[in-house]
Protein backbone atom coordinates (compact mmCIF):
# COMPACT_ATOMS: atom_id res chain seq x y z
CA LEU A 1 37.79 -8.19 74.82
CA LYS A 2 41.32 -6.94 74.10
CA TYR A 3 43.73 -8.30 76.77
CA GLU A 4 43.40 -10.73 80.09
CA ASN A 5 45.06 -12.02 82.66
CA PRO A 6 44.45 -13.54 86.25
CA TRP A 7 43.90 -10.02 87.52
CA ILE A 8 42.48 -7.86 84.97
CA ARG A 9 40.50 -7.84 81.88
CA VAL A 10 40.70 -4.81 79.09
CA THR A 11 37.61 -4.53 77.12
CA GLU A 12 36.99 -1.87 73.99
CA SER A 13 33.44 -0.75 73.22
CA LYS A 14 32.71 1.55 70.30
CA VAL A 15 30.72 4.23 71.57
CA ILE A 16 28.66 7.70 70.46
CA ASN A 17 30.33 10.53 72.12
CA PRO A 18 27.80 13.15 73.68
CA SER A 19 28.56 15.23 70.45
CA GLY A 20 27.15 12.31 68.22
CA GLY A 21 30.63 11.64 66.91
CA ASP A 22 31.87 7.73 66.47
CA GLY A 23 34.43 6.83 69.49
CA ILE A 24 35.69 3.88 71.63
CA TYR A 25 35.84 3.51 75.39
CA GLY A 26 38.18 1.07 76.76
CA VAL A 27 37.36 -0.18 80.23
CA VAL A 28 39.93 -1.96 82.78
CA HIS A 29 37.91 -4.28 84.72
CA PHE A 30 39.48 -5.63 87.98
CA LYS A 31 39.16 -9.29 88.86
CA ASN A 32 39.53 -8.43 92.65
CA ARG A 33 38.50 -5.73 94.89
CA ALA A 34 41.05 -3.66 96.61
CA VAL A 35 40.84 -3.72 100.46
CA ALA A 36 43.14 -1.44 102.65
CA VAL A 37 43.69 -1.57 106.17
CA ILE A 38 44.84 0.59 108.87
CA PRO A 39 45.71 -1.07 111.66
CA LEU A 40 45.84 1.29 114.93
CA ASP A 41 47.31 -0.01 118.45
CA GLU A 42 46.23 1.39 121.91
CA ASP A 43 48.64 4.24 121.03
CA ASN A 44 47.30 5.03 117.91
CA ASN A 45 50.68 3.79 116.18
CA THR A 46 49.90 2.06 112.42
CA TRP A 47 51.72 0.20 110.02
CA ILE A 48 52.79 0.95 106.34
CA VAL A 49 54.13 -1.33 103.75
CA GLY A 50 56.60 -0.31 101.11
CA GLN A 51 57.45 -2.18 97.72
CA TYR A 52 58.70 -1.49 94.54
CA ARG A 53 55.69 -0.92 92.24
CA TYR A 54 56.56 -1.87 88.50
CA THR A 55 54.22 0.44 87.23
CA LEU A 56 55.93 2.98 88.09
CA ASN A 57 59.33 2.14 88.53
CA GLN A 58 59.98 2.71 92.02
CA PHE A 59 59.48 2.33 95.32
CA GLU A 60 56.59 3.37 97.45
CA TRP A 61 54.79 3.30 100.86
CA GLU A 62 51.27 2.59 101.22
CA VAL A 63 48.70 1.21 103.78
CA VAL A 64 48.34 -2.27 103.94
CA GLU A 65 46.57 -3.50 100.69
CA GLY A 66 45.43 -6.35 98.91
CA GLY A 67 42.97 -7.67 96.44
CA CYS A 68 39.84 -9.55 97.68
CA PRO A 69 38.25 -11.89 95.15
CA HIS A 70 34.72 -11.31 94.06
CA GLY A 71 32.45 -13.50 95.82
CA GLU A 72 34.77 -13.45 99.35
CA ASP A 73 33.86 -11.56 102.14
CA LEU A 74 35.12 -8.28 102.17
CA LEU A 75 36.40 -8.59 105.99
CA LEU A 76 37.83 -11.77 105.58
CA GLY A 77 39.88 -10.25 102.24
CA ALA A 78 41.21 -7.63 105.05
CA GLN A 79 41.80 -9.97 107.33
CA ARG A 80 43.94 -12.07 105.55
CA GLU A 81 45.92 -8.86 103.60
CA LEU A 82 46.47 -7.79 107.27
CA GLU A 83 48.07 -11.09 108.42
CA GLU A 84 50.04 -11.68 105.55
CA GLU A 85 51.60 -8.24 104.81
CA ALA A 86 52.22 -7.11 108.38
CA GLY A 87 51.30 -9.96 110.46
CA ILE A 88 48.90 -8.79 112.33
CA ILE A 89 45.45 -10.33 113.69
CA ALA A 90 42.98 -8.29 114.76
CA SER A 91 39.82 -8.76 117.33
CA ASP A 92 37.92 -5.22 116.31
CA TRP A 93 37.17 -4.49 112.97
CA ASN A 94 35.19 -1.30 111.20
CA MET A 95 34.80 -0.77 107.32
CA ILE A 96 35.19 3.09 107.01
CA MET A 97 34.92 3.96 103.30
CA GLU A 98 34.53 2.72 99.83
CA THR A 99 36.18 4.55 97.09
CA GLN A 100 35.96 4.35 92.98
CA LEU A 101 39.79 3.93 92.73
CA SER A 102 39.77 5.56 88.99
CA ASN A 103 36.60 5.11 87.67
CA SER A 104 37.08 7.16 84.42
CA VAL A 105 38.89 3.79 82.92
CA SER A 106 38.43 0.84 85.61
CA ASP A 107 35.80 -0.26 87.76
CA GLU A 108 37.82 -1.02 90.77
CA TRP A 109 36.40 -0.26 93.92
CA GLY A 110 38.32 -0.05 97.09
CA TYR A 111 37.18 -0.79 100.47
CA THR A 112 39.36 0.69 103.61
CA PHE A 113 39.12 -0.99 107.11
CA VAL A 114 40.26 0.40 110.64
CA ALA A 115 41.61 -2.45 112.56
CA ARG A 116 41.90 -2.29 116.42
CA GLY A 117 42.40 -4.94 118.98
CA LEU A 118 46.01 -6.26 117.56
CA THR A 119 47.82 -9.41 117.81
CA TYR A 120 51.31 -9.87 116.53
CA VAL A 121 52.18 -13.04 114.15
CA GLU A 122 54.74 -13.76 111.60
CA SER A 123 54.14 -12.10 108.42
CA ASN A 124 53.55 -13.94 105.20
CA PRO A 125 53.58 -12.28 102.10
CA GLU A 126 52.72 -13.78 98.67
CA GLU A 127 55.75 -14.83 96.82
CA THR A 128 55.09 -11.81 94.02
CA GLU A 129 55.59 -9.33 97.59
CA GLN A 130 59.08 -8.04 98.79
CA LEU A 131 57.82 -6.13 101.40
CA HIS A 132 59.08 -3.56 104.03
CA ILE A 133 57.09 -3.12 107.02
CA LYS A 134 57.43 -0.02 109.31
CA LYS A 135 55.76 0.92 112.39
CA LEU A 136 54.84 4.85 113.19
CA PRO A 137 52.87 6.72 114.87
CA PHE A 138 49.61 7.67 113.08
CA GLU A 139 50.44 11.15 112.77
CA GLU A 140 53.45 10.73 111.20
CA VAL A 141 51.82 8.61 108.40
CA PHE A 142 49.33 11.50 108.07
CA GLN A 143 52.09 13.95 107.55
CA LEU A 144 53.79 11.62 105.06
CA ALA A 145 50.57 11.79 103.06
CA MET A 146 50.43 15.26 103.28
CA ARG A 147 54.08 15.93 102.46
CA GLY A 148 53.42 13.67 99.27
CA GLU A 149 55.76 10.86 100.14
CA ILE A 150 52.75 8.54 100.15
CA ARG A 151 50.73 8.70 97.07
CA ASP A 152 48.89 5.97 96.37
CA GLY A 153 45.24 6.96 95.95
CA LEU A 154 43.57 4.28 98.27
CA SER A 155 46.36 5.26 100.75
CA VAL A 156 45.98 8.87 100.81
CA ALA A 157 42.30 8.53 101.02
CA SER A 158 42.19 6.25 103.78
CA ILE A 159 44.81 7.91 105.88
CA PHE A 160 42.59 11.17 105.50
CA LYS A 161 39.74 9.54 106.34
CA VAL A 162 41.15 7.91 109.50
CA LYS A 163 42.59 11.45 110.77
CA LEU A 164 39.12 12.91 110.48
CA MET A 165 37.73 10.08 112.47
CA LEU A 166 40.50 10.44 115.59
CA GLU A 167 39.99 14.20 115.31
CA GLY A 168 36.26 13.16 115.83
CA ASN A 169 34.70 14.76 112.70
């Protein structure tokens, strides 16, 4: 164990590399699974969330995302994140994708849901979040990802998957 906090644990192992030499391998273990939600209303509008990301020292737009503790049902985690971040409750849920987010250094998995049948309530972000919420046509969100204005890996993969689904692929 090299480092631990409430969200991650970093370990380092001594290994034999493929050429037979000594090496080390560091792994970031995530204590939560990532859940992403793309809510779609009857006109295929969706919501994206903007926030400052400390690791990059910049503001980023993303789909609704959050952590789901191991042991918690993924759907319940996704429902909680959608309500907390966007103030949306949905009656129709479909998990569309499982993603390994950075498998060369971490064991983090991401799970993407599409939510429909939307009802609107007040958002309630966590105290660590200062969020900006934007409602846009899904096609515009897709174009933001295509232009590199949405860069988060789970967001981009989720947006592209939904785009293909909406086109019938």
